[in-house]
C-alpha cells in the first residue's frame, strides 16, 4: 500500500463508526402511547438530599492531590518527546 492509501484508510476508519449504526432498524413509535398515558398528570418531583459538606481535612487532601498532579504534569511537560522516538 502506498502512503496516500494509508492516509485515506486512516481518515475513513472513524467514518465506519458513524455508518454502522445507520444500518439499524428503528421500531415504529407512532401510536405506542395510550390515551390514558397522554392524559396522566405529570409525576411529582422530589427534592434531592443536600450534598454533604466538605470538611477541612478533605479540602486539604484534595489540594495536596491537585498539587501532586500539577507537579507530575510539569515533569511530563519537560520530557522531550522527539528524543524518545
PDB file of N, CA and C in Angstrom:
ATOM      1  N   UNK A   1       0.840  -1.185   0.000  1.00  0.00           N
ATOM      2  CA  UNK A   1       0.000   0.000   0.000  1.00  0.00           C
ATOM      3  C   UNK A   1       0.878   1.239   0.000  1.00  0.00           C
ATOM      4  N   UNK A   2       0.368   2.237  -0.633  1.00  0.00           N
ATOM      5  CA  UNK A   2       1.107   3.491  -0.663  1.00  0.00           C
ATOM      6  C   UNK A   2       0.750   4.336   0.557  1.00  0.00           C
ATOM      7  N   UNK A   3       1.551   5.343   0.764  1.00  0.00           N
ATOM      8  CA  UNK A   3       1.317   6.232   1.902  1.00  0.00           C
ATOM      9  C   UNK A   3      -0.017   6.956   1.762  1.00  0.00           C
ATOM     10  N   UNK A   4      -0.372   7.322   0.539  1.00  0.00           N
ATOM     11  CA  UNK A   4      -1.644   8.005   0.307  1.00  0.00           C
ATOM     12  C   UNK A   4      -2.833   7.133   0.652  1.00  0.00           C
ATOM     13  N   UNK A   5      -2.738   5.842   0.298  1.00  0.00           N
ATOM     14  CA  UNK A   5      -3.838   4.925   0.614  1.00  0.00           C
ATOM     15  C   UNK A   5      -3.968   4.740   2.118  1.00  0.00           C
ATOM     16  N   UNK A   6      -2.824   4.671   2.811  1.00  0.00           N
ATOM     17  CA  UNK A   6      -2.872   4.537   4.265  1.00  0.00           C
ATOM     18  C   UNK A   6      -3.514   5.766   4.905  1.00  0.00           C
ATOM     19  N   UNK A   7      -3.199   6.933   4.377  1.00  0.00           N
ATOM     20  CA  UNK A   7      -3.789   8.160   4.914  1.00  0.00           C
ATOM     21  C   UNK A   7      -5.297   8.164   4.708  1.00  0.00           C
ATOM     22  N   UNK A   8      -5.744   7.725   3.537  1.00  0.00           N
ATOM     23  CA  UNK A   8      -7.182   7.667   3.265  1.00  0.00           C
ATOM     24  C   UNK A   8      -7.859   6.663   4.184  1.00  0.00           C
ATOM     25  N   UNK A   9      -7.222   5.511   4.391  1.00  0.00           N
ATOM     26  CA  UNK A   9      -7.805   4.494   5.266  1.00  0.00           C
ATOM     27  C   UNK A   9      -7.899   5.009   6.700  1.00  0.00           C
ATOM     28  N   UNK A  10      -6.904   5.759   7.130  1.00  0.00           N
ATOM     29  CA  UNK A  10      -6.947   6.320   8.486  1.00  0.00           C
ATOM     30  C   UNK A  10      -8.094   7.312   8.633  1.00  0.00           C
ATOM     31  N   UNK A  11      -8.381   8.047   7.573  1.00  0.00           N
ATOM     32  CA  UNK A  11      -9.477   9.006   7.626  1.00  0.00           C
ATOM     33  C   UNK A  11     -10.840   8.325   7.548  1.00  0.00           C
ATOM     34  N   UNK A  12     -10.931   7.224   6.805  1.00  0.00           N
ATOM     35  CA  UNK A  12     -12.211   6.545   6.633  1.00  0.00           C
ATOM     36  C   UNK A  12     -12.552   5.627   7.794  1.00  0.00           C
ATOM     37  N   UNK A  13     -11.578   5.196   8.571  1.00  0.00           N
ATOM     38  CA  UNK A  13     -11.824   4.282   9.683  1.00  0.00           C
ATOM     39  C   UNK A  13     -12.844   4.845  10.671  1.00  0.00           C
ATOM     40  N   UNK A  14     -12.707   6.084  11.157  1.00  0.00           N
ATOM     41  CA  UNK A  14     -13.722   6.604  12.088  1.00  0.00           C
ATOM     42  C   UNK A  14     -15.102   6.737  11.444  1.00  0.00           C
ATOM     43  N   UNK A  15     -15.139   6.914  10.130  1.00  0.00           N
ATOM     44  CA  UNK A  15     -16.414   7.034   9.435  1.00  0.00           C
ATOM     45  C   UNK A  15     -17.239   5.763   9.564  1.00  0.00           C
ATOM     46  N   UNK A  16     -16.573   4.622   9.677  1.00  0.00           N
ATOM     47  CA  UNK A  16     -17.306   3.361   9.805  1.00  0.00           C
ATOM     48  C   UNK A  16     -18.128   3.328  11.090  1.00  0.00           C
ATOM     49  N   UNK A  17     -17.660   3.986  12.142  1.00  0.00           N
ATOM     50  CA  UNK A  17     -18.415   4.014  13.393  1.00  0.00           C
ATOM     51  C   UNK A  17     -19.686   4.855  13.265  1.00  0.00           C
ATOM     52  N   UNK A  18     -19.715   5.752  12.300  1.00  0.00           N
ATOM     53  CA  UNK A  18     -20.921   6.535  12.064  1.00  0.00           C
ATOM     54  C   UNK A  18     -21.878   5.826  11.113  1.00  0.00           C
ATOM     55  N   UNK A  19     -21.335   5.035  10.191  1.00  0.00           N
ATOM     56  CA  UNK A  19     -22.178   4.392   9.194  1.00  0.00           C
ATOM     57  C   UNK A  19     -22.834   3.113   9.697  1.00  0.00           C
ATOM     58  N   UNK A  20     -22.175   2.363  10.556  1.00  0.00           N
ATOM     59  CA  UNK A  20     -22.735   1.094  11.032  1.00  0.00           C
ATOM     60  C   UNK A  20     -24.053   1.306  11.780  1.00  0.00           C
ATOM     61  N   UNK A  21     -24.170   2.263  12.694  1.00  0.00           N
ATOM     62  CA  UNK A  21     -25.472   2.458  13.351  1.00  0.00           C
ATOM     63  C   UNK A  21     -26.565   2.914  12.388  1.00  0.00           C
ATOM     64  N   UNK A  22     -26.199   3.501  11.268  1.00  0.00           N
ATOM     65  CA  UNK A  22     -27.199   3.941  10.301  1.00  0.00           C
ATOM     66  C   UNK A  22     -27.919   2.761   9.670  1.00  0.00           C
ATOM     67  N   UNK A  23     -27.369   1.563   9.770  1.00  0.00           N
ATOM     68  CA  UNK A  23     -27.988   0.369   9.201  1.00  0.00           C
ATOM     69  C   UNK A  23     -29.051  -0.221  10.121  1.00  0.00           C
ATOM     70  N   UNK A  24     -29.158   0.270  11.334  1.00  0.00           N
ATOM     71  CA  UNK A  24     -30.101  -0.287  12.304  1.00  0.00           C
ATOM     72  C   UNK A  24     -31.530   0.070  11.921  1.00  0.00           C
ATOM     73  N   UNK A  25     -32.440  -0.836  12.230  1.00  0.00           N
ATOM     74  CA  UNK A  25     -33.854  -0.548  12.017  1.00  0.00           C
ATOM     75  C   UNK A  25     -34.445  -0.061  13.334  1.00  0.00           C
ATOM     76  N   UNK A  26     -35.220   0.984  13.252  1.00  0.00           N
ATOM     77  CA  UNK A  26     -35.820   1.563  14.441  1.00  0.00           C
ATOM     78  C   UNK A  26     -37.285   1.150  14.510  1.00  0.00           C
ATOM     79  N   UNK A  27     -37.770   0.831  15.696  1.00  0.00           N
ATOM     80  CA  UNK A  27     -39.179   0.440  15.808  1.00  0.00           C
ATOM     81  C   UNK A  27     -40.095   1.634  15.553  1.00  0.00           C
ATOM     82  N   UNK A  28     -41.257   1.344  15.036  1.00  0.00           N
ATOM     83  CA  UNK A  28     -42.247   2.396  14.813  1.00  0.00           C
ATOM     84  C   UNK A  28     -42.815   2.817  16.157  1.00  0.00           C
ATOM     85  N   UNK A  29     -42.647   4.061  16.505  1.00  0.00           N
ATOM     86  CA  UNK A  29     -43.084   4.551  17.808  1.00  0.00           C
ATOM     87  C   UNK A  29     -44.390   5.327  17.735  1.00  0.00           C
ATOM     88  N   UNK A  30     -44.862   5.602  16.536  1.00  0.00           N
ATOM     89  CA  UNK A  30     -46.116   6.339  16.402  1.00  0.00           C
ATOM     90  C   UNK A  30     -47.268   5.504  16.942  1.00  0.00           C
ATOM     91  N   UNK A  31     -48.086   6.100  17.779  1.00  0.00           N
ATOM     92  CA  UNK A  31     -49.259   5.421  18.305  1.00  0.00           C
ATOM     93  C   UNK A  31     -48.980   4.439  19.421  1.00  0.00           C
ATOM     94  N   UNK A  32     -47.796   4.443  19.997  1.00  0.00           N
ATOM     95  CA  UNK A  32     -47.487   3.488  21.062  1.00  0.00           C
ATOM     96  C   UNK A  32     -47.867   4.013  22.437  1.00  0.00           C
ATOM     97  N   UNK A  33     -48.142   5.303  22.552  1.00  0.00           N
ATOM     98  CA  UNK A  33     -48.546   5.874  23.840  1.00  0.00           C
ATOM     99  C   UNK A  33     -50.072   5.879  23.892  1.00  0.00           C
ATOM    100  N   UNK A  34     -50.611   5.272  24.922  1.00  0.00           N
ATOM    101  CA  UNK A  34     -52.069   5.189  25.044  1.00  0.00           C
ATOM    102  C   UNK A  34     -52.643   6.555  25.413  1.00  0.00           C
ATOM    103  N   UNK A  35     -53.952   6.693  25.181  1.00  0.00           N
ATOM    104  CA  UNK A  35     -54.620   7.950  25.540  1.00  0.00           C
ATOM    105  C   UNK A  35     -54.585   8.181  27.044  1.00  0.00           C
ATOM    106  N   UNK A  36     -54.689   7.096  27.821  1.00  0.00           N
ATOM    107  CA  UNK A  36     -54.638   7.226  29.277  1.00  0.00           C
ATOM    108  C   UNK A  36     -53.275   7.760  29.719  1.00  0.00           C
ATOM    109  N   UNK A  37     -52.220   7.301  29.071  1.00  0.00           N
ATOM    110  CA  UNK A  37     -50.883   7.781  29.412  1.00  0.00           C
ATOM    111  C   UNK A  37     -50.715   9.240  29.009  1.00  0.00           C
ATOM    112  N   UNK A  38     -51.316   9.619  27.899  1.00  0.00           N
ATOM    113  CA  UNK A  38     -51.237  11.018  27.466  1.00  0.00           C
ATOM    114  C   UNK A  38     -51.962  11.952  28.438  1.00  0.00           C
ATOM    115  N   UNK A  39     -53.049  11.483  29.008  1.00  0.00           N
ATOM    116  CA  UNK A  39     -53.854  12.309  29.905  1.00  0.00           C
ATOM    117  C   UNK A  39     -53.377  12.254  31.355  1.00  0.00           C
ATOM    118  N   UNK A  40     -52.421  11.398  31.658  1.00  0.00           N
ATOM    119  CA  UNK A  40     -51.946  11.240  33.037  1.00  0.00           C
ATOM    120  C   UNK A  40     -51.250  12.520  33.497  1.00  0.00           C
ATOM    121  N   UNK A  41     -51.379  12.848  34.778  1.00  0.00           N
ATOM    122  CA  UNK A  41     -50.707  14.055  35.288  1.00  0.00           C
ATOM    123  C   UNK A  41     -49.191  13.856  35.320  1.00  0.00           C
ATOM    124  N   UNK A  42     -48.499  14.964  35.281  1.00  0.00           N
ATOM    125  CA  UNK A  42     -47.040  14.922  35.341  1.00  0.00           C
ATOM    126  C   UNK A  42     -46.626  14.396  36.712  1.00  0.00           C
ATOM    127  N   UNK A  43     -45.618  13.529  36.780  1.00  0.00           N
ATOM    128  CA  UNK A  43     -45.226  12.982  38.083  1.00  0.00           C
ATOM    129  C   UNK A  43     -44.694  14.072  39.020  1.00  0.00           C
ATOM    130  N   UNK A  44     -44.898  13.854  40.298  1.00  0.00           N
ATOM    131  CA  UNK A  44     -44.420  14.790  41.311  1.00  0.00           C
ATOM    132  C   UNK A  44     -42.909  14.638  41.468  1.00  0.00           C
ATOM    133  N   UNK A  45     -42.225  15.753  41.418  1.00  0.00           N
ATOM    134  CA  UNK A  45     -40.772  15.732  41.578  1.00  0.00           C
ATOM    135  C   UNK A  45     -40.422  15.837  43.055  1.00  0.00           C
ATOM    136  N   UNK A  46     -39.419  15.120  43.460  1.00  0.00           N
ATOM    137  CA  UNK A  46     -38.972  15.181  44.848  1.00  0.00           C
ATOM    138  C   UNK A  46     -37.608  15.846  44.901  1.00  0.00           C
ATOM    139  N   UNK A  47     -37.339  16.480  46.018  1.00  0.00           N
ATOM    140  CA  UNK A  47     -36.057  17.161  46.186  1.00  0.00           C
ATOM    141  C   UNK A  47     -34.958  16.154  46.478  1.00  0.00           C
ATOM    142  N   UNK A  48     -33.774  16.472  46.013  1.00  0.00           N
ATOM    143  CA  UNK A  48     -32.608  15.663  46.345  1.00  0.00           C
ATOM    144  C   UNK A  48     -32.119  16.050  47.729  1.00  0.00           C
ATOM    145  N   UNK A  49     -31.539  15.108  48.440  1.00  0.00           N
ATOM    146  CA  UNK A  49     -30.979  15.482  49.744  1.00  0.00           C
ATOM    147  C   UNK A  49     -29.779  16.409  49.532  1.00  0.00           C
ATOM    148  N   UNK A  50     -29.477  17.256  50.503  1.00  0.00           N
ATOM    149  CA  UNK A  50     -28.341  18.175  50.338  1.00  0.00           C
ATOM    150  C   UNK A  50     -27.019  17.409  50.283  1.00  0.00           C
ATOM    151  N   UNK A  51     -26.082  17.980  49.558  1.00  0.00           N
ATOM    152  CA  UNK A  51     -24.756  17.377  49.485  1.00  0.00           C
ATOM    153  C   UNK A  51     -24.076  17.480  50.840  1.00  0.00           C
ATOM    154  N   UNK A  52     -23.288  16.476  51.195  1.00  0.00           N
ATOM    155  CA  UNK A  52     -22.560  16.591  52.463  1.00  0.00           C
ATOM    156  C   UNK A  52     -21.507  17.701  52.362  1.00  0.00           C
ATOM    157  N   UNK A  53     -21.317  18.391  53.453  1.00  0.00           N
ATOM    158  CA  UNK A  53     -20.348  19.488  53.483  1.00  0.00           C
ATOM    159  C   UNK A  53     -18.927  18.933  53.396  1.00  0.00           C
ATOM    160  N   UNK A  54     -18.071  19.659  52.706  1.00  0.00           N
ATOM    161  CA  UNK A  54     -16.670  19.258  52.585  1.00  0.00           C
ATOM    162  C   UNK A  54     -15.935  19.738  53.830  1.00  0.00           C
ATOM    163  N   UNK A  55     -15.255  18.823  54.467  1.00  0.00           N
ATOM    164  CA  UNK A  55     -14.522  19.179  55.682  1.00  0.00           C
ATOM    165  C   UNK A  55     -13.162  19.759  55.317  1.00  0.00           C
ATOM    166  N   UNK A  56     -12.518  20.375  56.288  1.00  0.00           N
ATOM    167  CA  UNK A  56     -11.202  20.978  56.063  1.00  0.00           C
ATOM    168  C   UNK A  56     -10.173  19.916  55.701  1.00  0.00           C
ATOM    169  N   UNK A  57     -10.266  18.728  56.310  1.00  0.00           N
ATOM    170  CA  UNK A  57      -9.290  17.677  56.004  1.00  0.00           C
ATOM    171  C   UNK A  57      -9.476  17.166  54.574  1.00  0.00           C
ATOM    172  N   UNK A  58     -10.732  17.059  54.128  1.00  0.00           N
ATOM    173  CA  UNK A  58     -10.977  16.635  52.747  1.00  0.00           C
ATOM    174  C   UNK A  58     -10.482  17.692  51.773  1.00  0.00           C
ATOM    175  N   UNK A  59     -10.688  18.953  52.129  1.00  0.00           N
ATOM    176  CA  UNK A  59     -10.232  20.046  51.281  1.00  0.00           C
ATOM    177  C   UNK A  59      -8.711  20.048  51.187  1.00  0.00           C
ATOM    178  N   UNK A  60      -8.043  19.835  52.309  1.00  0.00           N
ATOM    179  CA  UNK A  60      -6.577  19.800  52.314  1.00  0.00           C
ATOM    180  C   UNK A  60      -6.064  18.610  51.509  1.00  0.00           C
ATOM    181  N   UNK A  61      -6.731  17.463  51.633  1.00  0.00           N
ATOM    182  CA  UNK A  61      -6.316  16.280  50.878  1.00  0.00           C
ATOM    183  C   UNK A  61      -6.488  16.511  49.382  1.00  0.00           C
ATOM    184  N   UNK A  62      -7.574  17.167  49.012  1.00  0.00           N
ATOM    185  CA  UNK A  62      -7.815  17.463  47.603  1.00  0.00           C
ATOM    186  C   UNK A  62      -6.780  18.449  47.069  1.00  0.00           C
ATOM    187  N   UNK A  63      -6.460  19.463  47.853  1.00  0.00           N
ATOM    188  CA  UNK A  63      -5.435  20.426  47.444  1.00  0.00           C
ATOM    189  C   UNK A  63      -4.079  19.745  47.280  1.00  0.00           C
ATOM    190  N   UNK A  64      -3.743  18.822  48.182  1.00  0.00           N
ATOM    191  CA  UNK A  64      -2.475  18.096  48.079  1.00  0.00           C
ATOM    192  C   UNK A  64      -2.448  17.245  46.818  1.00  0.00           C
ATOM    193  N   UNK A  65      -3.558  16.633  46.503  1.00  0.00           N
ATOM    194  CA  UNK A  65      -3.617  15.807  45.293  1.00  0.00           C
ATOM    195  C   UNK A  65      -3.489  16.673  44.046  1.00  0.00           C
ATOM    196  N   UNK A  66      -4.141  17.837  44.054  1.00  0.00           N
ATOM    197  CA  UNK A  66      -4.027  18.764  42.927  1.00  0.00           C
ATOM    198  C   UNK A  66      -2.579  19.191  42.743  1.00  0.00           C
ATOM    199  N   UNK A  67      -1.907  19.545  43.838  1.00  0.00           N
ATOM    200  CA  UNK A  67      -0.507  19.960  43.757  1.00  0.00           C
ATOM    201  C   UNK A  67       0.372  18.838  43.222  1.00  0.00           C
ATOM    202  N   UNK A  68       0.135  17.597  43.671  1.00  0.00           N
ATOM    203  CA  UNK A  68       0.927  16.460  43.198  1.00  0.00           C
ATOM    204  C   UNK A  68       0.694  16.219  41.711  1.00  0.00           C
ATOM    205  N   UNK A  69      -0.554  16.334  41.268  1.00  0.00           N
ATOM    206  CA  UNK A  69      -0.850  16.138  39.848  1.00  0.00           C
ATOM    207  C   UNK A  69      -0.258  17.258  39.001  1.00  0.00           C
ATOM    208  N   UNK A  70      -0.276  18.486  39.514  1.00  0.00           N
ATOM    209  CA  UNK A  70       0.337  19.592  38.787  1.00  0.00           C
ATOM    210  C   UNK A  70       1.846  19.392  38.669  1.00  0.00           C
ATOM    211  N   UNK A  71       2.479  18.920  39.738  1.00  0.00           N
ATOM    212  CA  UNK A  71       3.919  18.653  39.699  1.00  0.00           C
ATOM    213  C   UNK A  71       4.226  17.553  38.691  1.00  0.00           C
ATOM    214  N   UNK A  72       3.407  16.522  38.668  1.00  0.00           N
ATOM    215  CA  UNK A  72       3.597  15.425  37.704  1.00  0.00           C
ATOM    216  C   UNK A  72       3.414  15.939  36.277  1.00  0.00           C
ATOM    217  N   UNK A  73       2.424  16.798  36.067  1.00  0.00           N
ATOM    218  CA  UNK A  73       2.204  17.372  34.741  1.00  0.00           C
ATOM    219  C   UNK A  73       3.388  18.229  34.321  1.00  0.00           C
ATOM    220  N   UNK A  74       3.954  18.992  35.253  1.00  0.00           N
ATOM    221  CA  UNK A  74       5.135  19.798  34.944  1.00  0.00           C
ATOM    222  C   UNK A  74       6.315  18.915  34.552  1.00  0.00           C
ATOM    223  N   UNK A  75       6.488  17.785  35.244  1.00  0.00           N
ATOM    224  CA  UNK A  75       7.560  16.845  34.900  1.00  0.00           C
ATOM    225  C   UNK A  75       7.347  16.280  33.501  1.00  0.00           C
ATOM    226  N   UNK A  76       6.111  15.931  33.178  1.00  0.00           N
ATOM    227  CA  UNK A  76       5.825  15.363  31.862  1.00  0.00           C
ATOM    228  C   UNK A  76       6.028  16.390  30.756  1.00  0.00           C
ATOM    229  N   UNK A  77       5.755  17.663  31.046  1.00  0.00           N
ATOM    230  CA  UNK A  77       5.960  18.702  30.040  1.00  0.00           C
ATOM    231  C   UNK A  77       7.443  18.912  29.742  1.00  0.00           C
ATOM    232  N   UNK A  78       8.315  18.564  30.672  1.00  0.00           N
ATOM    233  CA  UNK A  78       9.754  18.738  30.486  1.00  0.00           C
ATOM    234  C   UNK A  78      10.357  17.665  29.586  1.00  0.00           C
ATOM    235  N   UNK A  79       9.649  16.560  29.362  1.00  0.00           N
ATOM    236  CA  UNK A  79      10.187  15.456  28.562  1.00  0.00           C
ATOM    237  C   UNK A  79      10.202  15.862  27.095  1.00  0.00           C
ATOM    238  N   UNK A  80      11.338  15.633  26.440  1.00  0.00           N
ATOM    239  CA  UNK A  80      11.467  15.889  25.012  1.00  0.00           C
ATOM    240  C   UNK A  80      10.958  14.657  24.273  1.00  0.00           C
ATOM    241  N   UNK A  81       9.767  14.748  23.721  1.00  0.00           N
ATOM    242  CA  UNK A  81       9.144  13.602  23.064  1.00  0.00           C
ATOM    243  C   UNK A  81       9.946  13.180  21.837  1.00  0.00           C
ATOM    244  N   UNK A  82      10.539  14.137  21.147  1.00  0.00           N
ATOM    245  CA  UNK A  82      11.331  13.814  19.962  1.00  0.00           C
ATOM    246  C   UNK A  82      12.511  12.916  20.287  1.00  0.00           C
ATOM    247  N   UNK A  83      13.071  13.053  21.478  1.00  0.00           N
ATOM    248  CA  UNK A  83      14.210  12.228  21.871  1.00  0.00           C
ATOM    249  C   UNK A  83      13.787  10.796  22.177  1.00  0.00           C
ATOM    250  N   UNK A  84      12.520  10.575  22.467  1.00  0.00           N
ATOM    251  CA  UNK A  84      12.048   9.229  22.790  1.00  0.00           C
ATOM    252  C   UNK A  84      11.819   8.376  21.552  1.00  0.00           C
ATOM    253  N   UNK A  85      11.704   8.979  20.405  1.00  0.00           N
ATOM    254  CA  UNK A  85      11.387   8.218  19.189  1.00  0.00           C
ATOM    255  C   UNK A  85      12.607   7.682  18.515  1.00  0.00           C
TER     256      UNK A  85
END
